[in-house]
Amino acid sequence: MRVRTLDWIALTLIVIGSINWGLVGFFQFDLIATLFGGMQGWFSRIIYAIIGISGLYSLSLYGRISDDDKVKDMKIS
């Protein structure tokens, strides 16, 4: 599977988002909201949206991984 720059960016944002969710779950501390002006701040909402879009984009990785598995199976046969 050829990894694109956009894949790395999406993965990085997903990791940031999951760390934030872990902090919310364990400590009731929202790091994104703290750094960027509260949950209702416009910049925080943009950050949340970008992280959400990254998650949606990353769904395409499932298709690419399964396509790579099919190619490997064809080479082995």
Protein backbone atom coordinates (compact mmCIF):
# COMPACT_ATOMS: atom_id res chain seq x y z
CA MET A 1 0.00 0.00 0.00
CA ARG A 2 1.42 3.36 -1.01
CA VAL A 3 1.06 5.81 1.85
CA ARG A 4 0.30 9.36 0.83
CA THR A 5 1.09 12.56 2.70
CA LEU A 6 -2.62 13.06 3.29
CA ASP A 7 -2.74 9.64 5.00
CA TRP A 8 -0.01 10.72 7.43
CA ILE A 9 -1.77 14.00 8.18
CA ALA A 10 -5.07 12.21 8.77
CA LEU A 11 -3.42 9.63 11.00
CA THR A 12 -1.73 12.35 13.06
CA LEU A 13 -5.01 14.21 13.53
CA ILE A 14 -6.78 10.98 14.50
CA VAL A 15 -4.13 10.30 17.14
CA ILE A 16 -4.55 13.84 18.51
CA GLY A 17 -8.32 13.33 18.58
CA SER A 18 -8.07 9.99 20.33
CA ILE A 19 -5.71 11.40 22.97
CA ASN A 20 -8.20 14.21 23.53
CA TRP A 21 -11.06 11.71 23.91
CA GLY A 22 -8.96 9.69 26.35
CA LEU A 23 -8.36 12.81 28.44
CA VAL A 24 -12.08 13.58 28.38
CA GLY A 25 -12.98 10.02 29.35
CA PHE A 26 -10.44 9.58 32.13
CA PHE A 27 -10.07 13.08 33.54
CA GLN A 28 -12.98 15.15 32.16
CA PHE A 29 -10.38 17.45 30.60
CA ASP A 30 -10.82 18.64 27.01
CA LEU A 31 -7.37 19.65 25.80
CA ILE A 32 -8.58 21.05 22.46
CA ALA A 33 -11.15 23.27 24.19
CA THR A 34 -8.57 24.40 26.74
CA LEU A 35 -6.00 25.33 24.11
CA PHE A 36 -8.32 26.92 21.58
CA GLY A 37 -10.93 28.86 23.52
CA GLY A 38 -13.57 26.56 24.90
CA MET A 39 -15.96 24.11 23.34
CA GLN A 40 -18.05 26.84 21.70
CA GLY A 41 -15.11 28.84 20.31
CA TRP A 42 -15.04 29.00 16.52
CA PHE A 43 -11.41 27.86 16.30
CA SER A 44 -12.07 24.85 18.53
CA ARG A 45 -15.01 23.88 16.36
CA ILE A 46 -12.81 24.06 13.25
CA ILE A 47 -10.24 21.79 14.93
CA TYR A 48 -12.97 19.30 15.92
CA ALA A 49 -14.35 19.36 12.37
CA ILE A 50 -10.93 18.78 10.80
CA ILE A 51 -10.29 15.83 13.12
CA GLY A 52 -13.73 14.43 12.26
CA ILE A 53 -13.07 14.78 8.53
CA SER A 54 -9.75 13.01 9.04
CA GLY A 55 -11.60 10.11 10.63
CA LEU A 56 -14.00 9.91 7.71
CA TYR A 57 -11.14 10.09 5.23
CA SER A 58 -9.37 7.27 7.06
CA LEU A 59 -12.28 4.96 6.30
CA SER A 60 -10.82 4.79 2.79
CA LEU A 61 -7.81 2.97 4.26
CA TYR A 62 -9.99 -0.12 4.77
CA GLY A 63 -10.66 -0.29 1.05
CA ARG A 64 -7.03 0.21 0.13
CA ILE A 65 -5.86 -2.41 2.63
CA SER A 66 -8.31 -4.99 1.28
CA ASP A 67 -7.25 -4.16 -2.30
CA ASP A 68 -3.61 -4.76 -1.31
CA ASP A 69 -4.56 -8.10 0.23
CA LYS A 70 -6.23 -9.14 -3.04
CA VAL A 71 -3.10 -8.20 -5.01
CA LYS A 72 -0.89 -10.18 -2.60
CA ASP A 73 -3.18 -13.21 -2.90
CA MET A 74 -2.97 -12.99 -6.70
CA LYS A 75 0.87 -12.87 -6.59
CA ILE A 76 1.07 -15.89 -4.26
CA SER A 77 -1.23 -18.04 -6.43
